[in-house]
Protein backbone atom coordinates (compact mmCIF):
# COMPACT_ATOMS: atom_id res chain seq x y z
CA MET A 1 -52.09 57.55 57.52
CA LYS A 2 -54.92 57.88 60.11
CA MET A 3 -55.83 54.63 61.84
CA ASN A 4 -58.73 53.81 64.09
CA PHE A 5 -58.77 50.97 66.44
CA LEU A 6 -62.27 49.31 66.37
CA PHE A 7 -63.69 47.03 69.10
CA PRO A 8 -60.77 46.85 71.27
CA THR A 9 -60.40 44.48 74.21
CA PRO A 10 -59.92 46.40 77.52
CA VAL A 11 -57.16 44.98 79.76
CA SER A 12 -56.72 47.27 82.86
CA MET A 13 -54.35 47.49 85.67
CA PHE A 14 -54.71 48.49 89.32
CA ASN A 15 -52.13 48.59 92.21
CA TYR A 16 -52.66 47.51 95.81
CA ASN A 17 -49.99 46.98 98.54
CA ILE A 18 -50.65 43.73 100.05
CA THR A 19 -49.62 43.40 103.77
CA ASP A 20 -47.74 40.64 105.43
CA LYS A 21 -50.80 39.54 107.19
CA GLU A 22 -52.54 39.16 103.92
CA LYS A 23 -49.77 37.16 102.37
CA LYS A 24 -49.62 34.76 105.31
CA VAL A 25 -53.27 33.85 104.77
CA ILE A 26 -52.39 33.07 101.18
CA TYR A 27 -49.29 31.17 101.75
CA LYS A 28 -50.94 28.78 104.33
CA LEU A 29 -53.71 27.83 101.62
CA LYS A 30 -53.61 24.02 100.88
CA THR A 31 -53.22 23.12 97.14
CA ILE A 32 -53.78 20.54 94.58
CA GLN A 33 -52.43 19.75 91.27
CA ASN A 34 -53.49 21.90 88.25
CA THR A 35 -52.34 21.87 84.59
CA GLY A 36 -48.84 23.11 84.91
CA ASN A 37 -48.97 24.32 88.47
CA LYS A 38 -50.90 24.07 91.75
CA VAL A 39 -53.99 25.88 92.74
CA SER A 40 -55.73 26.33 96.05
CA VAL A 41 -58.41 23.76 97.32
CA ASN A 42 -60.23 26.91 98.58
CA ARG A 43 -62.29 28.38 95.85
CA LYS A 44 -63.56 31.33 97.98
CA VAL A 45 -60.33 32.68 99.15
CA LEU A 46 -61.57 36.27 99.15
CA ASP A 47 -64.34 35.37 101.74
CA SER A 48 -61.59 35.14 104.24
CA VAL A 49 -61.91 37.88 107.06
CA ASP A 50 -58.29 38.56 106.96
CA LEU A 51 -58.54 39.49 103.21
CA LYS A 52 -61.53 41.94 103.61
CA LYS A 53 -59.36 44.95 102.53
CA LEU A 54 -58.12 43.17 99.53
CA LYS A 55 -61.65 41.99 98.49
CA ILE A 56 -62.93 45.54 98.68
CA PHE A 57 -60.16 46.82 96.69
CA ILE A 58 -60.73 44.20 93.92
CA LEU A 59 -64.57 44.76 94.04
CA LYS A 60 -64.22 48.61 93.77
CA SER A 61 -61.61 48.11 90.80
CA VAL A 62 -64.06 45.61 88.99
CA ASN A 63 -66.90 47.93 89.37
CA ASP A 64 -64.81 50.95 88.26
CA TYR A 65 -63.60 48.96 85.15
CA PHE A 66 -67.28 47.96 84.50
CA THR A 67 -68.63 51.54 84.80
CA GLU A 68 -65.74 52.85 82.80
CA ILE A 69 -65.84 50.27 79.91
CA TYR A 70 -69.60 49.49 79.70
CA ALA A 71 -71.30 52.64 80.93
CA PRO A 72 -74.38 50.88 82.21
CA LYS A 73 -77.72 52.71 81.75
CA ASN A 74 -79.44 50.68 84.54
CA LYS A 75 -78.38 49.99 87.93
CA VAL A 76 -75.95 47.02 87.66
CA LYS A 77 -72.96 45.85 89.79
CA LEU A 78 -70.74 43.00 89.59
CA TYR A 79 -69.93 40.62 92.47
CA ILE A 80 -67.32 37.91 92.92
CA THR A 81 -68.43 34.42 92.21
CA GLN A 82 -65.11 32.50 92.97
CA SER A 83 -61.69 33.22 93.84
CA TRP A 84 -58.66 30.92 94.21
CA CYS A 85 -54.85 31.15 94.29
CA ASN A 86 -52.18 29.74 91.90
CA PHE A 87 -48.83 28.66 93.02
CA THR A 88 -46.19 28.53 90.18
CA LYS A 89 -42.71 27.21 91.14
CA LYS A 90 -39.62 26.85 88.91
CA GLY A 91 -40.07 24.76 85.94
CA GLU A 92 -43.99 25.27 86.15
CA TYR A 93 -46.34 27.37 84.03
CA HIS A 94 -50.01 28.51 83.95
CA HIS A 95 -51.68 26.95 80.88
CA LYS A 96 -53.58 28.76 78.31
CA HIS A 97 -57.32 29.26 79.33
CA SER A 98 -60.28 31.59 79.52
CA HIS A 99 -62.99 31.73 82.31
CA ALA A 100 -66.35 30.33 81.44
CA ASN A 101 -69.57 31.44 83.37
CA SER A 102 -67.93 34.90 84.19
CA PHE A 103 -68.25 38.19 83.03
CA ILE A 104 -65.04 40.02 84.06
CA SER A 105 -62.16 38.05 85.49
CA GLY A 106 -58.99 39.26 87.08
CA VAL A 107 -55.51 38.16 88.45
CA TYR A 108 -53.85 39.83 91.28
CA TYR A 109 -50.10 39.09 91.67
CA VAL A 110 -49.19 38.19 95.37
CA ASN A 111 -45.66 37.46 94.40
CA ALA A 112 -44.15 38.06 90.95
CA ASN A 113 -40.74 38.71 89.73
CA LYS A 114 -40.96 42.01 87.62
CA ASP A 115 -38.02 41.29 85.64
CA SER A 116 -39.01 38.06 84.16
CA ASP A 117 -42.78 37.25 84.76
CA LYS A 118 -45.30 38.10 82.09
CA ILE A 119 -49.02 37.54 81.45
CA TYR A 120 -49.97 36.56 77.87
CA PHE A 121 -53.17 37.46 76.16
CA HIS A 122 -54.16 35.50 73.01
CA LYS A 123 -56.29 36.23 70.09
CA GLU A 124 -58.74 33.41 69.30
CA GLU A 125 -59.90 34.49 65.78
CA LYS A 126 -58.19 32.47 63.12
CA ASP A 127 -56.59 34.36 60.34
CA LYS A 128 -57.90 33.51 56.80
CA LEU A 129 -54.55 34.20 55.38
CA LYS A 130 -51.15 34.27 57.35
CA VAL A 131 -48.74 36.85 56.30
CA LEU A 132 -45.27 36.63 57.76
CA THR A 133 -44.67 39.42 59.95
CA GLU A 134 -41.16 41.18 60.32
CA ASN A 135 -42.33 43.82 63.00
CA TYR A 136 -45.00 42.70 65.46
CA ASN A 137 -47.63 45.25 66.79
CA ILE A 138 -51.03 45.08 68.44
CA CYS A 139 -52.84 44.88 64.93
CA ASN A 140 -50.93 41.79 63.55
CA SER A 141 -50.05 39.81 66.58
CA SER A 142 -52.00 36.65 67.63
CA SER A 143 -50.69 36.93 71.39
CA TRP A 144 -49.30 39.98 73.34
CA TRP A 145 -47.78 40.02 76.71
CA LEU A 146 -47.59 42.43 79.61
CA PRO A 147 -45.05 42.50 82.53
CA VAL A 148 -46.40 41.66 85.96
CA GLU A 149 -45.18 42.49 89.20
CA THR A 150 -46.22 42.02 92.98
CA GLY A 151 -49.15 44.12 93.89
CA VAL A 152 -50.74 44.58 90.41
CA LEU A 153 -54.22 43.58 89.55
CA PHE A 154 -55.21 42.73 85.90
CA LEU A 155 -58.88 42.86 84.94
CA PHE A 156 -60.26 41.82 81.55
CA PRO A 157 -63.23 40.15 79.84
CA SER A 158 -63.59 36.64 81.00
CA TYR A 159 -63.50 35.24 77.30
CA LEU A 160 -60.00 36.56 76.82
CA MET A 161 -57.60 33.65 76.47
CA HIS A 162 -54.45 34.22 78.71
CA SER A 163 -51.55 32.12 80.10
CA VAL A 164 -48.28 32.64 81.99
CA ASP A 165 -44.95 31.28 81.04
CA THR A 166 -42.60 28.76 82.87
CA VAL A 167 -40.95 30.13 85.85
CA LYS A 168 -37.29 30.15 85.38
CA ASN A 169 -35.95 31.50 88.71
CA ASN A 170 -36.34 30.00 92.36
CA ASP A 171 -39.33 32.25 93.26
CA THR A 172 -42.76 30.96 93.54
CA ARG A 173 -45.11 33.08 91.64
CA ILE A 174 -48.28 33.38 93.39
CA SER A 175 -51.51 34.99 91.88
CA LEU A 176 -54.93 35.30 93.11
CA SER A 177 -57.60 34.73 90.37
CA PHE A 178 -61.32 35.39 90.47
CA ASN A 179 -64.53 35.25 88.37
CA THR A 180 -67.54 37.83 88.62
CA PHE A 181 -71.04 38.00 87.46
CA LEU A 182 -73.63 40.66 86.97
CA LYS A 183 -76.24 41.76 89.45
CA GLY A 184 -79.21 44.03 88.60
CA ASP A 185 -81.29 44.95 85.47
CA ILE A 186 -78.99 44.21 82.38
CA GLY A 187 -81.48 44.13 79.51
CA SER A 188 -84.33 46.11 77.87
CA ASP A 189 -88.04 45.07 77.87
CA SER A 190 -88.64 47.05 74.78
CA GLU A 191 -85.75 45.37 72.90
CA LEU A 192 -86.87 41.92 74.04
CA THR A 193 -83.71 41.60 76.03
CA GLY A 194 -85.03 42.22 79.57
CA LEU A 195 -83.12 40.26 82.15
CA ILE A 196 -83.03 41.02 85.93
CA LEU A 197 -80.33 38.96 87.79
């Protein structure tokens, strides 16, 4: 059998070795309660001068992803609109959600246990018929997980639902999340979709 995968959802990973100095900036952030865990009060974390190199890496990764996946005809770039950190201790979790008012979103793992931490992605379309599955694969699953570890950045379309399981060990899982939006000429006047942002 020959199989084609139509309209896939791209989830990409990039690596960056975070420095001790950058970690200290993140560890000192004030937090408030979120659903299942804590989130930084600061919603512009990547605007910190001490995180400049990390921000440059993230912006380059986002624009590489955008160029590779969307292959824009016109001059279009993405910029970071918000960035914040998530702190998840033993017994806590990161609830299922997506990111509204954003084009591409990302999660960079500042501290994660590669043996137990995973990010889950969820399919939102409802099956018309539910067939019991013996062997799950990317075609018949309603969710799929990928292992995470310190230093890994995940990029994905902002509409994609995702979550992270309950932390079972004594390490605090710390992630830096962000949203992006488009800047430039994204439409076509001749197709009546002209839009310059």
